Amino acid sequence: MTRLLIGKKKLVTAAIAVGAIASGATTALAGITTSTYTLDSMVSTAGNYAWLGDATGTYNCLAYALGNYSSWDWPWGVSNPDTWKADTYLKSKGFGTSKDISSTDVAAYEIISYGNIYSITHFSRIAASNYTNAKWGNYELLQSYGWQPYSASNYGPGVKKYAH
């Protein structure tokens, strides 16, 4: 059963729900296990996320972006890589890069890195035109509208797109 997440401030928009369903989610908003307040603080626009999967510490954003749902993937230990280390790792996985984060050519790119060139903090998978799917650390697997949905105090802006 699909239900809308109603926070104290916002509803998840219908556009997100439609996008989540269109890109393969079985139920766009089946449930959020992390508090709405916590998730809202992570995005630049409150409510800009739709549930795709439960919270789990089994895998993280990079693992999800690479198609791995069974183990954590962060080869830099407790540090965040700079963009050159992220490029090198993703290249070893068969991905090339683009410095043009504003390109709207969805078909050409699959992964976006976030943060800044000195500290990559997050990765997402491009789901459809102007939608991204990402595993938020130990939080849920969520979809957001826009390729740069995160607040500056959280994951930050998009840095690079990667094509396979």
Protein backbone atom coordinates (compact mmCIF):
# COMPACT_ATOMS: atom_id res chain seq x y z
CA MET A 1 0.00 0.00 0.00
CA THR A 2 1.41 3.36 -1.00
CA ARG A 3 1.11 6.20 1.48
CA LEU A 4 2.33 9.74 1.40
CA LEU A 5 4.84 10.77 4.02
CA ILE A 6 3.31 13.72 5.79
CA GLY A 7 5.83 15.69 7.79
CA LYS A 8 5.16 18.60 10.08
CA LYS A 9 6.01 20.93 7.20
CA LYS A 10 5.69 19.30 3.78
CA LEU A 11 4.24 16.55 1.62
CA VAL A 12 6.42 14.62 -0.72
CA THR A 13 5.47 15.95 -4.11
CA ALA A 14 3.44 13.93 -6.57
CA ALA A 15 6.15 14.46 -9.18
CA ILE A 16 8.62 12.55 -7.05
CA ALA A 17 6.19 9.69 -6.56
CA VAL A 18 5.48 9.46 -10.27
CA GLY A 19 9.20 9.57 -11.05
CA ALA A 20 9.98 6.87 -8.50
CA ILE A 21 7.35 4.57 -9.94
CA ALA A 22 8.42 5.36 -13.52
CA SER A 23 12.02 4.42 -12.74
CA GLY A 24 11.21 1.08 -11.18
CA ALA A 25 10.19 1.57 -7.55
CA THR A 26 7.50 -0.91 -6.62
CA THR A 27 5.98 1.54 -4.19
CA ALA A 28 7.14 5.10 -4.37
CA LEU A 29 6.36 6.02 -0.78
CA ALA A 30 5.90 2.83 1.15
CA GLY A 31 7.49 4.21 4.30
CA ILE A 32 10.34 6.18 5.77
CA THR A 33 12.11 4.83 8.83
CA THR A 34 14.28 7.90 9.42
CA SER A 35 12.59 10.99 10.85
CA THR A 36 11.24 13.50 8.36
CA TYR A 37 13.13 16.24 10.20
CA THR A 38 16.46 14.42 9.69
CA LEU A 39 15.86 13.84 5.98
CA ASP A 40 14.56 17.38 5.43
CA SER A 41 17.78 18.78 6.93
CA MET A 42 19.79 16.90 4.30
CA VAL A 43 18.12 18.37 1.21
CA SER A 44 17.96 21.92 -0.10
CA THR A 45 14.14 21.69 -0.46
CA ALA A 46 12.28 19.97 2.39
CA GLY A 47 10.34 16.90 1.28
CA ASN A 48 12.39 16.38 -1.89
CA TYR A 49 12.71 12.61 -1.55
CA ALA A 50 10.66 9.50 -2.16
CA TRP A 51 11.22 6.15 -0.46
CA LEU A 52 12.72 3.36 -2.58
CA GLY A 53 14.20 1.09 0.12
CA ASP A 54 14.54 0.69 3.87
CA ALA A 55 17.36 2.08 5.99
CA THR A 56 20.27 -0.35 6.26
CA GLY A 57 23.96 -0.31 7.02
CA THR A 58 24.60 -3.20 4.60
CA TYR A 59 25.49 -0.96 1.65
CA ASN A 60 26.13 2.75 1.05
CA CYS A 61 25.83 5.36 -1.70
CA LEU A 62 28.91 4.30 -3.68
CA ALA A 63 27.99 0.63 -3.51
CA TYR A 64 24.46 1.42 -4.68
CA ALA A 65 25.72 3.65 -7.52
CA LEU A 66 27.90 0.75 -8.69
CA GLY A 67 25.03 -1.75 -8.46
CA ASN A 68 26.17 -3.47 -5.24
CA TYR A 69 23.41 -4.00 -2.65
CA SER A 70 25.24 -6.47 -0.43
CA SER A 71 28.33 -4.68 0.94
CA TRP A 72 29.65 -1.29 1.94
CA ASP A 73 32.02 0.26 -0.63
CA TRP A 74 34.22 3.18 0.47
CA PRO A 75 37.83 2.27 -0.37
CA TRP A 76 39.21 5.41 1.30
CA GLY A 77 38.53 4.20 4.85
CA VAL A 78 37.19 6.91 7.16
CA SER A 79 38.37 9.72 4.83
CA ASN A 80 36.58 11.30 1.92
CA PRO A 81 38.46 11.12 -1.37
CA ASP A 82 39.36 14.14 -3.41
CA THR A 83 37.90 14.17 -6.91
CA TRP A 84 41.07 12.67 -8.43
CA LYS A 85 40.92 9.63 -6.10
CA ALA A 86 37.22 9.20 -6.83
CA ASP A 87 37.95 9.43 -10.57
CA THR A 88 40.69 6.80 -10.29
CA TYR A 89 38.49 4.39 -8.34
CA LEU A 90 35.51 4.79 -10.67
CA LYS A 91 37.80 4.44 -13.68
CA SER A 92 38.93 1.08 -12.26
CA LYS A 93 35.22 0.14 -12.28
CA GLY A 94 34.83 1.16 -15.94
CA PHE A 95 33.52 4.71 -15.55
CA GLY A 96 34.82 7.81 -17.33
CA THR A 97 34.14 11.36 -16.12
CA SER A 98 32.72 14.64 -17.27
CA LYS A 99 33.52 17.97 -15.69
CA ASP A 100 30.24 19.39 -16.98
CA ILE A 101 27.83 18.76 -14.09
CA SER A 102 25.16 20.87 -15.82
CA SER A 103 24.87 18.59 -18.89
CA THR A 104 21.33 17.27 -19.28
CA ASP A 105 22.28 14.29 -21.46
CA VAL A 106 20.79 11.59 -19.23
CA ALA A 107 21.71 8.68 -21.49
CA ALA A 108 25.43 9.46 -21.34
CA TYR A 109 25.82 9.47 -17.54
CA GLU A 110 25.00 7.10 -14.70
CA ILE A 111 26.67 8.39 -11.51
CA ILE A 112 27.08 11.84 -9.90
CA SER A 113 29.62 12.68 -7.19
CA TYR A 114 28.87 15.36 -4.56
CA GLY A 115 30.88 17.59 -2.25
CA ASN A 116 33.78 19.57 -3.68
CA ILE A 117 36.96 18.74 -5.57
CA TYR A 118 38.86 18.24 -2.30
CA SER A 119 36.27 16.10 -0.52
CA ILE A 120 33.75 13.88 -2.30
CA THR A 121 31.07 13.07 0.28
CA HIS A 122 28.38 11.19 -1.67
CA PHE A 123 27.41 9.43 -4.90
CA SER A 124 24.03 9.01 -6.59
CA ARG A 125 22.70 7.18 -9.61
CA ILE A 126 20.89 9.12 -12.32
CA ALA A 127 17.42 7.57 -12.48
CA ALA A 128 15.75 9.58 -15.22
CA SER A 129 15.73 13.06 -16.65
CA ASN A 130 16.17 15.28 -13.59
CA TYR A 131 15.84 12.47 -10.99
CA THR A 132 18.52 10.80 -8.88
CA ASN A 133 18.43 7.71 -6.67
CA ALA A 134 20.83 7.39 -3.75
CA LYS A 135 21.48 5.40 -0.61
CA TRP A 136 21.97 8.01 2.11
CA GLY A 137 24.67 6.45 4.31
CA ASN A 138 22.88 4.24 6.86
CA TYR A 139 19.58 5.88 5.94
CA GLU A 140 17.07 4.86 3.27
CA LEU A 141 17.46 4.40 -0.46
CA LEU A 142 15.67 7.51 -1.74
CA GLN A 143 14.85 9.33 -4.95
CA SER A 144 15.15 13.09 -5.30
CA TYR A 145 14.04 15.52 -7.95
CA GLY A 146 17.00 17.29 -9.53
CA TRP A 147 20.60 16.32 -9.93
CA GLN A 148 21.69 18.60 -7.09
CA PRO A 149 19.14 18.07 -4.31
CA TYR A 150 21.41 18.19 -1.24
CA SER A 151 21.95 21.04 1.17
CA ALA A 152 25.37 22.71 1.31
CA SER A 153 25.71 21.64 4.96
CA ASN A 154 25.14 17.98 4.06
CA TYR A 155 26.44 16.27 0.90
CA GLY A 156 26.78 19.53 -1.01
CA PRO A 157 26.61 20.28 -4.73
CA GLY A 158 27.27 17.92 -7.61
CA VAL A 159 30.91 17.76 -8.66
CA LYS A 160 31.15 15.35 -11.61
CA LYS A 161 29.10 12.94 -13.68
CA TYR A 162 30.44 9.54 -14.63
CA ALA A 163 29.58 7.50 -17.73
CA HIS A 164 29.99 3.73 -18.04
